[in-house]
Amino acid sequence: MIERELKLLLSASAFKCIQVHYAVMAQGYMIIADGNPLGTKKRETREFKTLDTAAKFLFRTGVADFTVKLKTSF
C-alpha cells in the first residue's frame, strides 16, 4: 500500500491497528497497517531512519494513535 491508499483507507476508518516496527536489516523503522507494510511507488517497503520521522509522517496523514514494536520476532 502506498501513501495515497493509506490516506483513503484512513478516511474510511478501515484500519484496526497501525504499528511502527523496527526493521533490523534496514536499521530503521517501517509502518505496518493491519499487517500490510507502507510502500513506495515502486512497491518497495518504505523505510524511516528514526522513530520520530515515522511518527511525524503518521501525524501528518491523520494518525494520532499507533503502537511501536521494537522486537518483531517471538
PDB file of N, CA and C in Angstrom:
ATOM      1  N   MET A   1       0.847  -1.157   0.000  1.00  0.00           N
ATOM      2  CA  MET A   1       0.000   0.000   0.000  1.00  0.00           C
ATOM      3  C   MET A   1       0.901   1.231   0.000  1.00  0.00           C
ATOM      4  N   ILE A   2       0.514   2.229  -0.764  1.00  0.00           N
ATOM      5  CA  ILE A   2       1.267   3.477  -0.826  1.00  0.00           C
ATOM      6  C   ILE A   2       0.549   4.554  -0.003  1.00  0.00           C
ATOM      7  N   GLU A   3       1.179   5.701   0.111  1.00  0.00           N
ATOM      8  CA  GLU A   3       0.654   6.767   0.969  1.00  0.00           C
ATOM      9  C   GLU A   3      -0.767   7.177   0.580  1.00  0.00           C
ATOM     10  N   ARG A   4      -1.045   7.266  -0.690  1.00  0.00           N
ATOM     11  CA  ARG A   4      -2.379   7.670  -1.139  1.00  0.00           C
ATOM     12  C   ARG A   4      -3.438   6.658  -0.699  1.00  0.00           C
ATOM     13  N   GLU A   5      -3.122   5.365  -0.826  1.00  0.00           N
ATOM     14  CA  GLU A   5      -4.055   4.328  -0.383  1.00  0.00           C
ATOM     15  C   GLU A   5      -4.245   4.379   1.132  1.00  0.00           C
ATOM     16  N   LEU A   6      -3.155   4.648   1.854  1.00  0.00           N
ATOM     17  CA  LEU A   6      -3.239   4.758   3.309  1.00  0.00           C
ATOM     18  C   LEU A   6      -4.193   5.877   3.708  1.00  0.00           C
ATOM     19  N   LYS A   7      -4.078   7.027   3.066  1.00  0.00           N
ATOM     20  CA  LYS A   7      -4.956   8.161   3.388  1.00  0.00           C
ATOM     21  C   LYS A   7      -6.417   7.849   3.070  1.00  0.00           C
ATOM     22  N   LEU A   8      -6.671   7.172   1.944  1.00  0.00           N
ATOM     23  CA  LEU A   8      -8.045   6.816   1.591  1.00  0.00           C
ATOM     24  C   LEU A   8      -8.656   5.863   2.617  1.00  0.00           C
ATOM     25  N   LEU A   9      -7.882   4.861   3.017  1.00  0.00           N
ATOM     26  CA  LEU A   9      -8.390   3.907   3.994  1.00  0.00           C
ATOM     27  C   LEU A   9      -8.534   4.533   5.379  1.00  0.00           C
ATOM     28  N   LEU A  10      -7.666   5.472   5.714  1.00  0.00           N
ATOM     29  CA  LEU A  10      -7.804   6.182   6.987  1.00  0.00           C
ATOM     30  C   LEU A  10      -9.082   7.006   7.024  1.00  0.00           C
ATOM     31  N   SER A  11      -9.396   7.659   5.910  1.00  0.00           N
ATOM     32  CA  SER A  11     -10.609   8.481   5.876  1.00  0.00           C
ATOM     33  C   SER A  11     -11.868   7.620   5.971  1.00  0.00           C
ATOM     34  N   ALA A  12     -11.764   6.359   5.577  1.00  0.00           N
ATOM     35  CA  ALA A  12     -12.893   5.437   5.685  1.00  0.00           C
ATOM     36  C   ALA A  12     -12.886   4.664   7.010  1.00  0.00           C
ATOM     37  N   SER A  13     -11.935   4.978   7.879  1.00  0.00           N
ATOM     38  CA  SER A  13     -11.775   4.281   9.173  1.00  0.00           C
ATOM     39  C   SER A  13     -11.681   2.773   8.985  1.00  0.00           C
ATOM     40  N   ALA A  14     -10.880   2.349   8.027  1.00  0.00           N
ATOM     41  CA  ALA A  14     -10.792   0.937   7.670  1.00  0.00           C
ATOM     42  C   ALA A  14      -9.718   0.176   8.441  1.00  0.00           C
ATOM     43  N   PHE A  15      -8.889   0.855   9.223  1.00  0.00           N
ATOM     44  CA  PHE A  15      -7.801   0.177   9.916  1.00  0.00           C
ATOM     45  C   PHE A  15      -8.154  -0.125  11.355  1.00  0.00           C
ATOM     46  N   LYS A  16      -7.727  -1.308  11.808  1.00  0.00           N
ATOM     47  CA  LYS A  16      -7.894  -1.686  13.202  1.00  0.00           C
ATOM     48  C   LYS A  16      -6.622  -1.390  13.992  1.00  0.00           C
ATOM     49  N   CYS A  17      -5.467  -1.565  13.335  1.00  0.00           N
ATOM     50  CA  CYS A  17      -4.200  -1.455  14.043  1.00  0.00           C
ATOM     51  C   CYS A  17      -3.116  -0.875  13.132  1.00  0.00           C
ATOM     52  N   ILE A  18      -2.461   0.157  13.600  1.00  0.00           N
ATOM     53  CA  ILE A  18      -1.320   0.727  12.885  1.00  0.00           C
ATOM     54  C   ILE A  18      -0.126   0.638  13.815  1.00  0.00           C
ATOM     55  N   GLN A  19       0.947   0.042  13.300  1.00  0.00           N
ATOM     56  CA  GLN A  19       2.140  -0.165  14.103  1.00  0.00           C
ATOM     57  C   GLN A  19       3.367   0.375  13.384  1.00  0.00           C
ATOM     58  N   VAL A  20       4.364   0.746  14.173  1.00  0.00           N
ATOM     59  CA  VAL A  20       5.680   1.085  13.641  1.00  0.00           C
ATOM     60  C   VAL A  20       6.617  -0.002  14.140  1.00  0.00           C
ATOM     61  N   HIS A  21       7.224  -0.728  13.214  1.00  0.00           N
ATOM     62  CA  HIS A  21       8.132  -1.826  13.545  1.00  0.00           C
ATOM     63  C   HIS A  21       9.567  -1.392  13.314  1.00  0.00           C
ATOM     64  N   TYR A  22      10.450  -1.870  14.174  1.00  0.00           N
ATOM     65  CA  TYR A  22      11.873  -1.667  13.947  1.00  0.00           C
ATOM     66  C   TYR A  22      12.332  -2.713  12.946  1.00  0.00           C
ATOM     67  N   ALA A  23      12.941  -2.276  11.858  1.00  0.00           N
ATOM     68  CA  ALA A  23      13.433  -3.179  10.812  1.00  0.00           C
ATOM     69  C   ALA A  23      14.924  -3.391  11.029  1.00  0.00           C
ATOM     70  N   VAL A  24      15.294  -4.562  11.513  1.00  0.00           N
ATOM     71  CA  VAL A  24      16.678  -4.844  11.871  1.00  0.00           C
ATOM     72  C   VAL A  24      17.595  -4.758  10.659  1.00  0.00           C
ATOM     73  N   MET A  25      17.194  -5.352   9.555  1.00  0.00           N
ATOM     74  CA  MET A  25      18.045  -5.382   8.367  1.00  0.00           C
ATOM     75  C   MET A  25      18.248  -3.979   7.781  1.00  0.00           C
ATOM     76  N   ALA A  26      17.239  -3.155   7.833  1.00  0.00           N
ATOM     77  CA  ALA A  26      17.328  -1.806   7.273  1.00  0.00           C
ATOM     78  C   ALA A  26      17.862  -0.808   8.295  1.00  0.00           C
ATOM     79  N   GLN A  27      17.931  -1.222   9.556  1.00  0.00           N
ATOM     80  CA  GLN A  27      18.327  -0.353  10.657  1.00  0.00           C
ATOM     81  C   GLN A  27      17.500   0.921  10.665  1.00  0.00           C
ATOM     82  N   GLY A  28      16.209   0.742  10.565  1.00  0.00           N
ATOM     83  CA  GLY A  28      15.283   1.858  10.577  1.00  0.00           C
ATOM     84  C   GLY A  28      13.909   1.353  10.982  1.00  0.00           C
ATOM     85  N   TYR A  29      12.892   2.080  10.610  1.00  0.00           N
ATOM     86  CA  TYR A  29      11.521   1.752  11.007  1.00  0.00           C
ATOM     87  C   TYR A  29      10.622   1.664   9.785  1.00  0.00           C
ATOM     88  N   MET A  30       9.585   0.840   9.896  1.00  0.00           N
ATOM     89  CA  MET A  30       8.591   0.737   8.830  1.00  0.00           C
ATOM     90  C   MET A  30       7.211   0.773   9.456  1.00  0.00           C
ATOM     91  N   ILE A  31       6.240   1.238   8.677  1.00  0.00           N
ATOM     92  CA  ILE A  31       4.862   1.363   9.149  1.00  0.00           C
ATOM     93  C   ILE A  31       4.063   0.183   8.625  1.00  0.00           C
ATOM     94  N   ILE A  32       3.349  -0.478   9.536  1.00  0.00           N
ATOM     95  CA  ILE A  32       2.509  -1.622   9.202  1.00  0.00           C
ATOM     96  C   ILE A  32       1.074  -1.274   9.567  1.00  0.00           C
ATOM     97  N   ALA A  33       0.170  -1.359   8.598  1.00  0.00           N
ATOM     98  CA  ALA A  33      -1.249  -1.086   8.834  1.00  0.00           C
ATOM     99  C   ALA A  33      -2.033  -2.362   8.574  1.00  0.00           C
ATOM    100  N   ASP A  34      -2.585  -2.928   9.629  1.00  0.00           N
ATOM    101  CA  ASP A  34      -3.323  -4.200   9.552  1.00  0.00           C
ATOM    102  C   ASP A  34      -2.543  -5.281   8.814  1.00  0.00           C
ATOM    103  N   GLY A  35      -1.246  -5.381   9.103  1.00  0.00           N
ATOM    104  CA  GLY A  35      -0.414  -6.428   8.524  1.00  0.00           C
ATOM    105  C   GLY A  35       0.201  -6.102   7.178  1.00  0.00           C
ATOM    106  N   ASN A  36      -0.134  -4.959   6.602  1.00  0.00           N
ATOM    107  CA  ASN A  36       0.404  -4.573   5.298  1.00  0.00           C
ATOM    108  C   ASN A  36       1.400  -3.427   5.466  1.00  0.00           C
ATOM    109  N   PRO A  37       2.625  -3.608   4.957  1.00  0.00           N
ATOM    110  CA  PRO A  37       3.610  -2.527   5.100  1.00  0.00           C
ATOM    111  C   PRO A  37       3.336  -1.368   4.157  1.00  0.00           C
ATOM    112  N   LEU A  38       3.675  -0.177   4.609  1.00  0.00           N
ATOM    113  CA  LEU A  38       3.588   1.000   3.762  1.00  0.00           C
ATOM    114  C   LEU A  38       4.716   0.917   2.748  1.00  0.00           C
ATOM    115  N   GLY A  39       4.392   1.177   1.495  1.00  0.00           N
ATOM    116  CA  GLY A  39       5.392   1.056   0.445  1.00  0.00           C
ATOM    117  C   GLY A  39       5.609   2.342  -0.320  1.00  0.00           C
ATOM    118  N   THR A  40       6.552   2.282  -1.231  1.00  0.00           N
ATOM    119  CA  THR A  40       6.848   3.399  -2.120  1.00  0.00           C
ATOM    120  C   THR A  40       6.066   3.198  -3.416  1.00  0.00           C
ATOM    121  N   LYS A  41       6.181   4.136  -4.333  1.00  0.00           N
ATOM    122  CA  LYS A  41       5.501   3.999  -5.621  1.00  0.00           C
ATOM    123  C   LYS A  41       6.036   2.815  -6.410  1.00  0.00           C
ATOM    124  N   LYS A  42       7.273   2.418  -6.122  1.00  0.00           N
ATOM    125  CA  LYS A  42       7.880   1.255  -6.788  1.00  0.00           C
ATOM    126  C   LYS A  42       7.531  -0.050  -6.075  1.00  0.00           C
ATOM    127  N   ARG A  43       6.626   0.033  -5.099  1.00  0.00           N
ATOM    128  CA  ARG A  43       6.149  -1.114  -4.316  1.00  0.00           C
ATOM    129  C   ARG A  43       7.233  -1.762  -3.468  1.00  0.00           C
ATOM    130  N   GLU A  44       8.206  -0.949  -3.038  1.00  0.00           N
ATOM    131  CA  GLU A  44       9.198  -1.401  -2.072  1.00  0.00           C
ATOM    132  C   GLU A  44       8.756  -0.906  -0.702  1.00  0.00           C
ATOM    133  N   THR A  45       9.168  -1.572   0.351  1.00  0.00           N
ATOM    134  CA  THR A  45       8.794  -1.151   1.699  1.00  0.00           C
ATOM    135  C   THR A  45       9.427   0.190   2.013  1.00  0.00           C
ATOM    136  N   ARG A  46       8.602   1.119   2.452  1.00  0.00           N
ATOM    137  CA  ARG A  46       9.108   2.456   2.799  1.00  0.00           C
ATOM    138  C   ARG A  46       9.762   2.396   4.166  1.00  0.00           C
ATOM    139  N   GLU A  47      10.967   2.928   4.255  1.00  0.00           N
ATOM    140  CA  GLU A  47      11.731   2.884   5.495  1.00  0.00           C
ATOM    141  C   GLU A  47      11.955   4.298   6.014  1.00  0.00           C
ATOM    142  N   PHE A  48      11.948   4.420   7.331  1.00  0.00           N
ATOM    143  CA  PHE A  48      12.190   5.686   8.005  1.00  0.00           C
ATOM    144  C   PHE A  48      13.421   5.517   8.880  1.00  0.00           C
ATOM    145  N   LYS A  49      14.335   6.494   8.859  1.00  0.00           N
ATOM    146  CA  LYS A  49      15.579   6.375   9.621  1.00  0.00           C
ATOM    147  C   LYS A  49      15.353   6.411  11.123  1.00  0.00           C
ATOM    148  N   THR A  50      14.414   7.229  11.572  1.00  0.00           N
ATOM    149  CA  THR A  50      14.178   7.353  13.008  1.00  0.00           C
ATOM    150  C   THR A  50      12.700   7.147  13.317  1.00  0.00           C
ATOM    151  N   LEU A  51      12.444   6.849  14.566  1.00  0.00           N
ATOM    152  CA  LEU A  51      11.072   6.707  15.036  1.00  0.00           C
ATOM    153  C   LEU A  51      10.343   8.045  14.941  1.00  0.00           C
ATOM    154  N   ASP A  52      11.054   9.126  15.164  1.00  0.00           N
ATOM    155  CA  ASP A  52      10.449  10.463  15.064  1.00  0.00           C
ATOM    156  C   ASP A  52       9.935  10.750  13.660  1.00  0.00           C
ATOM    157  N   THR A  53      10.689  10.388  12.635  1.00  0.00           N
ATOM    158  CA  THR A  53      10.238  10.656  11.269  1.00  0.00           C
ATOM    159  C   THR A  53       9.015   9.818  10.925  1.00  0.00           C
ATOM    160  N   ALA A  54       8.974   8.576  11.411  1.00  0.00           N
ATOM    161  CA  ALA A  54       7.796   7.738  11.179  1.00  0.00           C
ATOM    162  C   ALA A  54       6.579   8.318  11.894  1.00  0.00           C
ATOM    163  N   ALA A  55       6.772   8.778  13.129  1.00  0.00           N
ATOM    164  CA  ALA A  55       5.672   9.369  13.895  1.00  0.00           C
ATOM    165  C   ALA A  55       5.178  10.660  13.248  1.00  0.00           C
ATOM    166  N   LYS A  56       6.091  11.498  12.775  1.00  0.00           N
ATOM    167  CA  LYS A  56       5.696  12.732  12.097  1.00  0.00           C
ATOM    168  C   LYS A  56       4.914  12.442  10.830  1.00  0.00           C
ATOM    169  N   PHE A  57       5.333  11.414  10.085  1.00  0.00           N
ATOM    170  CA  PHE A  57       4.602  11.023   8.881  1.00  0.00           C
ATOM    171  C   PHE A  57       3.182  10.597   9.231  1.00  0.00           C
ATOM    172  N   LEU A  58       3.038   9.758  10.255  1.00  0.00           N
ATOM    173  CA  LEU A  58       1.706   9.299  10.658  1.00  0.00           C
ATOM    174  C   LEU A  58       0.844  10.460  11.144  1.00  0.00           C
ATOM    175  N   PHE A  59       1.413  11.362  11.920  1.00  0.00           N
ATOM    176  CA  PHE A  59       0.664  12.523  12.405  1.00  0.00           C
ATOM    177  C   PHE A  59       0.202  13.390  11.237  1.00  0.00           C
ATOM    178  N   ARG A  60       1.083  13.574  10.246  1.00  0.00           N
ATOM    179  CA  ARG A  60       0.753  14.392   9.072  1.00  0.00           C
ATOM    180  C   ARG A  60      -0.369  13.759   8.244  1.00  0.00           C
ATOM    181  N   THR A  61      -0.456  12.429   8.241  1.00  0.00           N
ATOM    182  CA  THR A  61      -1.509  11.761   7.482  1.00  0.00           C
ATOM    183  C   THR A  61      -2.796  11.594   8.287  1.00  0.00           C
ATOM    184  N   GLY A  62      -2.782  11.988   9.561  1.00  0.00           N
ATOM    185  CA  GLY A  62      -4.008  11.949  10.347  1.00  0.00           C
ATOM    186  C   GLY A  62      -4.090  10.845  11.375  1.00  0.00           C
ATOM    187  N   VAL A  63      -3.001  10.151  11.619  1.00  0.00           N
ATOM    188  CA  VAL A  63      -2.992   9.076  12.611  1.00  0.00           C
ATOM    189  C   VAL A  63      -2.482   9.650  13.927  1.00  0.00           C
ATOM    190  N   ALA A  64      -3.283   9.528  14.975  1.00  0.00           N
ATOM    191  CA  ALA A  64      -2.883  10.030  16.279  1.00  0.00           C
ATOM    192  C   ALA A  64      -2.556   8.903  17.257  1.00  0.00           C
ATOM    193  N   ASP A  65      -2.969   7.673  16.929  1.00  0.00           N
ATOM    194  CA  ASP A  65      -2.786   6.553  17.841  1.00  0.00           C
ATOM    195  C   ASP A  65      -2.165   5.382  17.090  1.00  0.00           C
ATOM    196  N   PHE A  66      -0.974   4.972  17.519  1.00  0.00           N
ATOM    197  CA  PHE A  66      -0.314   3.812  16.913  1.00  0.00           C
ATOM    198  C   PHE A  66       0.563   3.160  17.972  1.00  0.00           C
ATOM    199  N   THR A  67       0.985   1.935  17.715  1.00  0.00           N
ATOM    200  CA  THR A  67       1.869   1.222  18.634  1.00  0.00           C
ATOM    201  C   THR A  67       3.242   1.076  17.991  1.00  0.00           C
ATOM    202  N   VAL A  68       4.230   0.873  18.845  1.00  0.00           N
ATOM    203  CA  VAL A  68       5.609   0.684  18.389  1.00  0.00           C
ATOM    204  C   VAL A  68       6.079  -0.693  18.823  1.00  0.00           C
ATOM    205  N   LYS A  69       6.619  -1.446  17.872  1.00  0.00           N
ATOM    206  CA  LYS A  69       7.173  -2.768  18.154  1.00  0.00           C
ATOM    207  C   LYS A  69       8.661  -2.717  17.854  1.00  0.00           C
ATOM    208  N   LEU A  70       9.478  -2.850  18.894  1.00  0.00           N
ATOM    209  CA  LEU A  70      10.922  -2.804  18.687  1.00  0.00           C
ATOM    210  C   LEU A  70      11.495  -4.188  18.406  1.00  0.00           C
ATOM    211  N   LYS A  71      10.823  -5.221  18.856  1.00  0.00           N
ATOM    212  CA  LYS A  71      11.266  -6.590  18.605  1.00  0.00           C
ATOM    213  C   LYS A  71      10.110  -7.328  17.946  1.00  0.00           C
ATOM    214  N   THR A  72      10.304  -7.760  16.701  1.00  0.00           N
ATOM    215  CA  THR A  72       9.199  -8.354  15.962  1.00  0.00           C
ATOM    216  C   THR A  72       9.226  -9.877  15.956  1.00  0.00           C
ATOM    217  N   SER A  73      10.301 -10.511  16.417  1.00  0.00           N
ATOM    218  CA  SER A  73      10.334 -11.977  16.466  1.00  0.00           C
ATOM    219  C   SER A  73       9.937 -12.451  17.856  1.00  0.00           C
ATOM    220  N   PHE A  74       9.473 -13.685  17.932  1.00  0.00           N
ATOM    221  CA  PHE A  74       8.993 -14.221  19.213  1.00  0.00           C
ATOM    222  C   PHE A  74       9.960 -15.181  19.791  1.00  0.00           C
TER     223      PHE A  74
END
